[in-house]
């Protein structure tokens, strides 16, 4: 699921910023599950940054990831 979230942000939203509701709709997962389960891990590992009302991937990741 982590890869699916990251791939969606990269491919559909050009790396962000993108709102949590948009991510949840795009991948078919509850926004609460993403916010409570996946997002903290992705932020802690440096794969995602949290912005007011949106998530964004650090720029180097959007250019170099081969998901």
PDB file of N, CA and C in Angstrom:
ATOM      1  N   UNK A   1       0.830  -1.202   0.000  1.00  0.00           N
ATOM      2  CA  UNK A   1       0.000   0.000   0.000  1.00  0.00           C
ATOM      3  C   UNK A   1       0.866   1.254   0.000  1.00  0.00           C
ATOM      4  N   UNK A   2       2.010   1.214   0.695  1.00  0.00           N
ATOM      5  CA  UNK A   2       2.888   2.389   0.712  1.00  0.00           C
ATOM      6  C   UNK A   2       3.311   2.768  -0.704  1.00  0.00           C
ATOM      7  N   UNK A   3       3.720   1.771  -1.484  1.00  0.00           N
ATOM      8  CA  UNK A   3       4.116   2.041  -2.864  1.00  0.00           C
ATOM      9  C   UNK A   3       2.960   2.581  -3.685  1.00  0.00           C
ATOM     10  N   UNK A   4       1.779   2.070  -3.438  1.00  0.00           N
ATOM     11  CA  UNK A   4       0.603   2.538  -4.172  1.00  0.00           C
ATOM     12  C   UNK A   4       0.322   4.008  -3.869  1.00  0.00           C
ATOM     13  N   UNK A   5       0.457   4.390  -2.620  1.00  0.00           N
ATOM     14  CA  UNK A   5       0.261   5.792  -2.235  1.00  0.00           C
ATOM     15  C   UNK A   5       1.308   6.668  -2.909  1.00  0.00           C
ATOM     16  N   UNK A   6       2.565   6.269  -2.823  1.00  0.00           N
ATOM     17  CA  UNK A   6       3.641   7.061  -3.415  1.00  0.00           C
ATOM     18  C   UNK A   6       3.497   7.145  -4.931  1.00  0.00           C
ATOM     19  N   UNK A   7       3.202   6.021  -5.567  1.00  0.00           N
ATOM     20  CA  UNK A   7       3.034   6.011  -7.018  1.00  0.00           C
ATOM     21  C   UNK A   7       1.891   6.938  -7.442  1.00  0.00           C
ATOM     22  N   UNK A   8       0.811   6.927  -6.684  1.00  0.00           N
ATOM     23  CA  UNK A   8      -0.335   7.788  -6.988  1.00  0.00           C
ATOM     24  C   UNK A   8       0.038   9.255  -6.877  1.00  0.00           C
ATOM     25  N   UNK A   9       0.754   9.617  -5.820  1.00  0.00           N
ATOM     26  CA  UNK A   9       1.166  11.015  -5.655  1.00  0.00           C
ATOM     27  C   UNK A   9       2.081  11.436  -6.798  1.00  0.00           C
ATOM     28  N   UNK A  10       2.981  10.555  -7.207  1.00  0.00           N
ATOM     29  CA  UNK A  10       3.918  10.879  -8.288  1.00  0.00           C
ATOM     30  C   UNK A  10       3.195  10.961  -9.631  1.00  0.00           C
ATOM     31  N   UNK A  11       2.450   9.913  -9.967  1.00  0.00           N
ATOM     32  CA  UNK A  11       1.878   9.815 -11.310  1.00  0.00           C
ATOM     33  C   UNK A  11       0.639  10.672 -11.519  1.00  0.00           C
ATOM     34  N   UNK A  12      -0.222  10.745 -10.537  1.00  0.00           N
ATOM     35  CA  UNK A  12      -1.476  11.474 -10.726  1.00  0.00           C
ATOM     36  C   UNK A  12      -1.417  12.916 -10.258  1.00  0.00           C
ATOM     37  N   UNK A  13      -0.511  13.191  -9.302  1.00  0.00           N
ATOM     38  CA  UNK A  13      -0.478  14.533  -8.716  1.00  0.00           C
ATOM     39  C   UNK A  13       0.885  15.198  -8.836  1.00  0.00           C
ATOM     40  N   UNK A  14       1.764  14.650  -9.677  1.00  0.00           N
ATOM     41  CA  UNK A  14       3.085  15.232  -9.965  1.00  0.00           C
ATOM     42  C   UNK A  14       3.910  15.528  -8.721  1.00  0.00           C
ATOM     43  N   UNK A  15       3.799  14.667  -7.726  1.00  0.00           N
ATOM     44  CA  UNK A  15       4.596  14.830  -6.514  1.00  0.00           C
ATOM     45  C   UNK A  15       3.957  15.687  -5.448  1.00  0.00           C
ATOM     46  N   UNK A  16       2.815  16.258  -5.739  1.00  0.00           N
ATOM     47  CA  UNK A  16       2.087  17.040  -4.745  1.00  0.00           C
ATOM     48  C   UNK A  16       2.386  18.514  -4.831  1.00  0.00           C
ATOM     49  N   UNK A  17       1.831  19.281  -3.948  1.00  0.00           N
ATOM     50  CA  UNK A  17       1.023  18.879  -2.802  1.00  0.00           C
ATOM     51  C   UNK A  17      -0.352  18.380  -3.224  1.00  0.00           C
ATOM     52  N   UNK A  18      -0.859  17.443  -2.451  1.00  0.00           N
ATOM     53  CA  UNK A  18      -2.163  16.844  -2.723  1.00  0.00           C
ATOM     54  C   UNK A  18      -2.859  16.573  -1.394  1.00  0.00           C
ATOM     55  N   UNK A  19      -4.139  16.809  -1.362  1.00  0.00           N
ATOM     56  CA  UNK A  19      -4.912  16.597  -0.148  1.00  0.00           C
ATOM     57  C   UNK A  19      -5.141  15.125   0.149  1.00  0.00           C
ATOM     58  N   UNK A  20      -5.294  14.833   1.408  1.00  0.00           N
ATOM     59  CA  UNK A  20      -5.509  13.463   1.865  1.00  0.00           C
ATOM     60  C   UNK A  20      -6.757  12.851   1.245  1.00  0.00           C
ATOM     61  N   UNK A  21      -7.814  13.618   1.126  1.00  0.00           N
ATOM     62  CA  UNK A  21      -9.046  13.105   0.522  1.00  0.00           C
ATOM     63  C   UNK A  21      -8.845  12.742  -0.941  1.00  0.00           C
ATOM     64  N   UNK A  22      -8.043  13.509  -1.651  1.00  0.00           N
ATOM     65  CA  UNK A  22      -7.752  13.186  -3.052  1.00  0.00           C
ATOM     66  C   UNK A  22      -6.955  11.893  -3.172  1.00  0.00           C
ATOM     67  N   UNK A  23      -5.993  11.702  -2.276  1.00  0.00           N
ATOM     68  CA  UNK A  23      -5.220  10.459  -2.286  1.00  0.00           C
ATOM     69  C   UNK A  23      -6.139   9.277  -1.989  1.00  0.00           C
ATOM     70  N   UNK A  24      -6.976   9.408  -0.963  1.00  0.00           N
ATOM     71  CA  UNK A  24      -7.842   8.297  -0.579  1.00  0.00           C
ATOM     72  C   UNK A  24      -8.824   7.934  -1.694  1.00  0.00           C
ATOM     73  N   UNK A  25      -9.341   8.927  -2.373  1.00  0.00           N
ATOM     74  CA  UNK A  25     -10.243   8.661  -3.493  1.00  0.00           C
ATOM     75  C   UNK A  25      -9.508   7.969  -4.632  1.00  0.00           C
ATOM     76  N   UNK A  26      -8.308   8.416  -4.924  1.00  0.00           N
ATOM     77  CA  UNK A  26      -7.540   7.860  -6.037  1.00  0.00           C
ATOM     78  C   UNK A  26      -7.144   6.401  -5.815  1.00  0.00           C
ATOM     79  N   UNK A  27      -6.899   6.011  -4.567  1.00  0.00           N
ATOM     80  CA  UNK A  27      -6.469   4.634  -4.321  1.00  0.00           C
ATOM     81  C   UNK A  27      -7.559   3.761  -3.713  1.00  0.00           C
ATOM     82  N   UNK A  28      -8.700   4.348  -3.395  1.00  0.00           N
ATOM     83  CA  UNK A  28      -9.812   3.580  -2.851  1.00  0.00           C
ATOM     84  C   UNK A  28      -9.611   3.115  -1.420  1.00  0.00           C
ATOM     85  N   UNK A  29      -8.983   3.931  -0.628  1.00  0.00           N
ATOM     86  CA  UNK A  29      -8.728   3.626   0.786  1.00  0.00           C
ATOM     87  C   UNK A  29      -9.318   4.744   1.636  1.00  0.00           C
ATOM     88  N   UNK A  30      -9.766   4.420   2.833  1.00  0.00           N
ATOM     89  CA  UNK A  30     -10.314   5.422   3.738  1.00  0.00           C
ATOM     90  C   UNK A  30      -9.243   6.443   4.114  1.00  0.00           C
ATOM     91  N   UNK A  31      -9.611   7.712   4.132  1.00  0.00           N
ATOM     92  CA  UNK A  31      -8.636   8.756   4.462  1.00  0.00           C
ATOM     93  C   UNK A  31      -8.121   8.599   5.889  1.00  0.00           C
ATOM     94  N   UNK A  32      -8.968   8.144   6.798  1.00  0.00           N
ATOM     95  CA  UNK A  32      -8.546   7.928   8.182  1.00  0.00           C
ATOM     96  C   UNK A  32      -7.466   6.864   8.291  1.00  0.00           C
ATOM     97  N   UNK A  33      -7.578   5.806   7.498  1.00  0.00           N
ATOM     98  CA  UNK A  33      -6.566   4.751   7.499  1.00  0.00           C
ATOM     99  C   UNK A  33      -5.243   5.272   6.970  1.00  0.00           C
ATOM    100  N   UNK A  34      -5.298   6.046   5.909  1.00  0.00           N
ATOM    101  CA  UNK A  34      -4.070   6.615   5.358  1.00  0.00           C
ATOM    102  C   UNK A  34      -3.424   7.532   6.386  1.00  0.00           C
ATOM    103  N   UNK A  35      -4.227   8.388   6.997  1.00  0.00           N
ATOM    104  CA  UNK A  35      -3.705   9.364   7.961  1.00  0.00           C
ATOM    105  C   UNK A  35      -3.133   8.704   9.214  1.00  0.00           C
ATOM    106  N   UNK A  36      -3.756   7.655   9.680  1.00  0.00           N
ATOM    107  CA  UNK A  36      -3.331   7.026  10.933  1.00  0.00           C
ATOM    108  C   UNK A  36      -2.296   5.926  10.767  1.00  0.00           C
ATOM    109  N   UNK A  37      -2.303   5.233   9.627  1.00  0.00           N
ATOM    110  CA  UNK A  37      -1.429   4.075   9.452  1.00  0.00           C
ATOM    111  C   UNK A  37      -0.263   4.366   8.519  1.00  0.00           C
ATOM    112  N   UNK A  38      -0.550   4.790   7.305  1.00  0.00           N
ATOM    113  CA  UNK A  38       0.489   4.898   6.276  1.00  0.00           C
ATOM    114  C   UNK A  38       1.267   6.209   6.326  1.00  0.00           C
ATOM    115  N   UNK A  39       0.571   7.309   6.489  1.00  0.00           N
ATOM    116  CA  UNK A  39       1.221   8.613   6.458  1.00  0.00           C
ATOM    117  C   UNK A  39       2.317   8.778   7.518  1.00  0.00           C
ATOM    118  N   UNK A  40       2.088   8.395   8.783  1.00  0.00           N
ATOM    119  CA  UNK A  40       3.169   8.552   9.773  1.00  0.00           C
ATOM    120  C   UNK A  40       4.448   7.792   9.392  1.00  0.00           C
ATOM    121  N   UNK A  41       4.284   6.581   8.860  1.00  0.00           N
ATOM    122  CA  UNK A  41       5.446   5.805   8.431  1.00  0.00           C
ATOM    123  C   UNK A  41       6.171   6.492   7.280  1.00  0.00           C
ATOM    124  N   UNK A  42       5.433   6.927   6.278  1.00  0.00           N
ATOM    125  CA  UNK A  42       6.053   7.568   5.115  1.00  0.00           C
ATOM    126  C   UNK A  42       6.756   8.864   5.489  1.00  0.00           C
ATOM    127  N   UNK A  43       6.200   9.608   6.416  1.00  0.00           N
ATOM    128  CA  UNK A  43       6.838  10.836   6.890  1.00  0.00           C
ATOM    129  C   UNK A  43       8.088  10.507   7.695  1.00  0.00           C
ATOM    130  N   UNK A  44       7.982   9.549   8.594  1.00  0.00           N
ATOM    131  CA  UNK A  44       9.119   9.165   9.435  1.00  0.00           C
ATOM    132  C   UNK A  44      10.303   8.686   8.599  1.00  0.00           C
ATOM    133  N   UNK A  45      10.022   7.946   7.545  1.00  0.00           N
ATOM    134  CA  UNK A  45      11.083   7.413   6.683  1.00  0.00           C
ATOM    135  C   UNK A  45      11.584   8.427   5.653  1.00  0.00           C
ATOM    136  N   UNK A  46      10.976   9.607   5.605  1.00  0.00           N
ATOM    137  CA  UNK A  46      11.432  10.658   4.703  1.00  0.00           C
ATOM    138  C   UNK A  46      10.872  10.582   3.290  1.00  0.00           C
ATOM    139  N   UNK A  47       9.858   9.742   3.085  1.00  0.00           N
ATOM    140  CA  UNK A  47       9.271   9.603   1.749  1.00  0.00           C
ATOM    141  C   UNK A  47       8.216  10.658   1.458  1.00  0.00           C
ATOM    142  N   UNK A  48       7.722  11.293   2.507  1.00  0.00           N
ATOM    143  CA  UNK A  48       6.647  12.261   2.348  1.00  0.00           C
ATOM    144  C   UNK A  48       6.834  13.387   3.353  1.00  0.00           C
ATOM    145  N   UNK A  49       6.414  14.578   2.963  1.00  0.00           N
ATOM    146  CA  UNK A  49       6.400  15.726   3.873  1.00  0.00           C
ATOM    147  C   UNK A  49       4.960  16.147   4.067  1.00  0.00           C
ATOM    148  N   UNK A  50       4.666  16.593   5.254  1.00  0.00           N
ATOM    149  CA  UNK A  50       3.314  17.057   5.559  1.00  0.00           C
ATOM    150  C   UNK A  50       3.281  18.569   5.465  1.00  0.00           C
ATOM    151  N   UNK A  51       2.336  19.079   4.721  1.00  0.00           N
ATOM    152  CA  UNK A  51       2.106  20.510   4.590  1.00  0.00           C
ATOM    153  C   UNK A  51       0.694  20.789   5.083  1.00  0.00           C
ATOM    154  N   UNK A  52       0.392  22.018   5.441  1.00  0.00           N
ATOM    155  CA  UNK A  52      -0.966  22.319   5.909  1.00  0.00           C
ATOM    156  C   UNK A  52      -2.018  21.888   4.881  1.00  0.00           C
ATOM    157  N   UNK A  53      -2.771  20.877   5.241  1.00  0.00           N
ATOM    158  CA  UNK A  53      -3.845  20.408   4.379  1.00  0.00           C
ATOM    159  C   UNK A  53      -3.420  19.561   3.202  1.00  0.00           C
ATOM    160  N   UNK A  54      -2.136  19.222   3.108  1.00  0.00           N
ATOM    161  CA  UNK A  54      -1.676  18.468   1.940  1.00  0.00           C
ATOM    162  C   UNK A  54      -0.429  17.660   2.265  1.00  0.00           C
ATOM    163  N   UNK A  55      -0.172  16.685   1.416  1.00  0.00           N
ATOM    164  CA  UNK A  55       1.058  15.899   1.504  1.00  0.00           C
ATOM    165  C   UNK A  55       1.886  16.182   0.258  1.00  0.00           C
ATOM    166  N   UNK A  56       3.179  16.103   0.395  1.00  0.00           N
ATOM    167  CA  UNK A  56       4.059  16.376  -0.729  1.00  0.00           C
ATOM    168  C   UNK A  56       5.272  15.470  -0.619  1.00  0.00           C
ATOM    169  N   UNK A  57       5.777  15.021  -1.749  1.00  0.00           N
ATOM    170  CA  UNK A  57       6.982  14.212  -1.753  1.00  0.00           C
ATOM    171  C   UNK A  57       8.193  15.116  -1.891  1.00  0.00           C
ATOM    172  N   UNK A  58       9.281  14.795  -1.182  1.00  0.00           N
ATOM    173  CA  UNK A  58      10.514  15.563  -1.386  1.00  0.00           C
ATOM    174  C   UNK A  58      10.938  15.447  -2.851  1.00  0.00           C
ATOM    175  N   UNK A  59      11.404  16.490  -3.444  1.00  0.00           N
ATOM    176  CA  UNK A  59      11.679  16.549  -4.882  1.00  0.00           C
ATOM    177  C   UNK A  59      12.581  15.432  -5.411  1.00  0.00           C
ATOM    178  N   UNK A  60      13.680  15.088  -4.762  1.00  0.00           N
ATOM    179  CA  UNK A  60      14.528  14.034  -5.335  1.00  0.00           C
ATOM    180  C   UNK A  60      13.795  12.709  -5.526  1.00  0.00           C
ATOM    181  N   UNK A  61      12.847  12.413  -4.667  1.00  0.00           N
ATOM    182  CA  UNK A  61      12.130  11.150  -4.779  1.00  0.00           C
ATOM    183  C   UNK A  61      11.269  11.096  -6.028  1.00  0.00           C
ATOM    184  N   UNK A  62      10.683  12.184  -6.418  1.00  0.00           N
ATOM    185  CA  UNK A  62       9.792  12.158  -7.572  1.00  0.00           C
ATOM    186  C   UNK A  62      10.563  11.950  -8.859  1.00  0.00           C
ATOM    187  N   UNK A  63      11.839  12.296  -8.892  1.00  0.00           N
ATOM    188  CA  UNK A  63      12.645  12.164 -10.092  1.00  0.00           C
ATOM    189  C   UNK A  63      13.350  10.819 -10.200  1.00  0.00           C
ATOM    190  N   UNK A  64      13.651  10.171  -9.080  1.00  0.00           N
ATOM    191  CA  UNK A  64      14.542   9.025  -9.123  1.00  0.00           C
ATOM    192  C   UNK A  64      13.899   7.699  -8.757  1.00  0.00           C
ATOM    193  N   UNK A  65      12.707   7.689  -8.222  1.00  0.00           N
ATOM    194  CA  UNK A  65      12.118   6.423  -7.802  1.00  0.00           C
ATOM    195  C   UNK A  65      11.707   5.582  -8.985  1.00  0.00           C
ATOM    196  N   UNK A  66      12.027   4.339  -8.908  1.00  0.00           N
ATOM    197  CA  UNK A  66      11.534   3.364  -9.885  1.00  0.00           C
ATOM    198  C   UNK A  66      10.566   2.456  -9.140  1.00  0.00           C
ATOM    199  N   UNK A  67       9.333   2.853  -9.092  1.00  0.00           N
ATOM    200  CA  UNK A  67       8.347   2.099  -8.314  1.00  0.00           C
ATOM    201  C   UNK A  67       7.845   0.934  -9.121  1.00  0.00           C
TER     202      UNK A  67
END
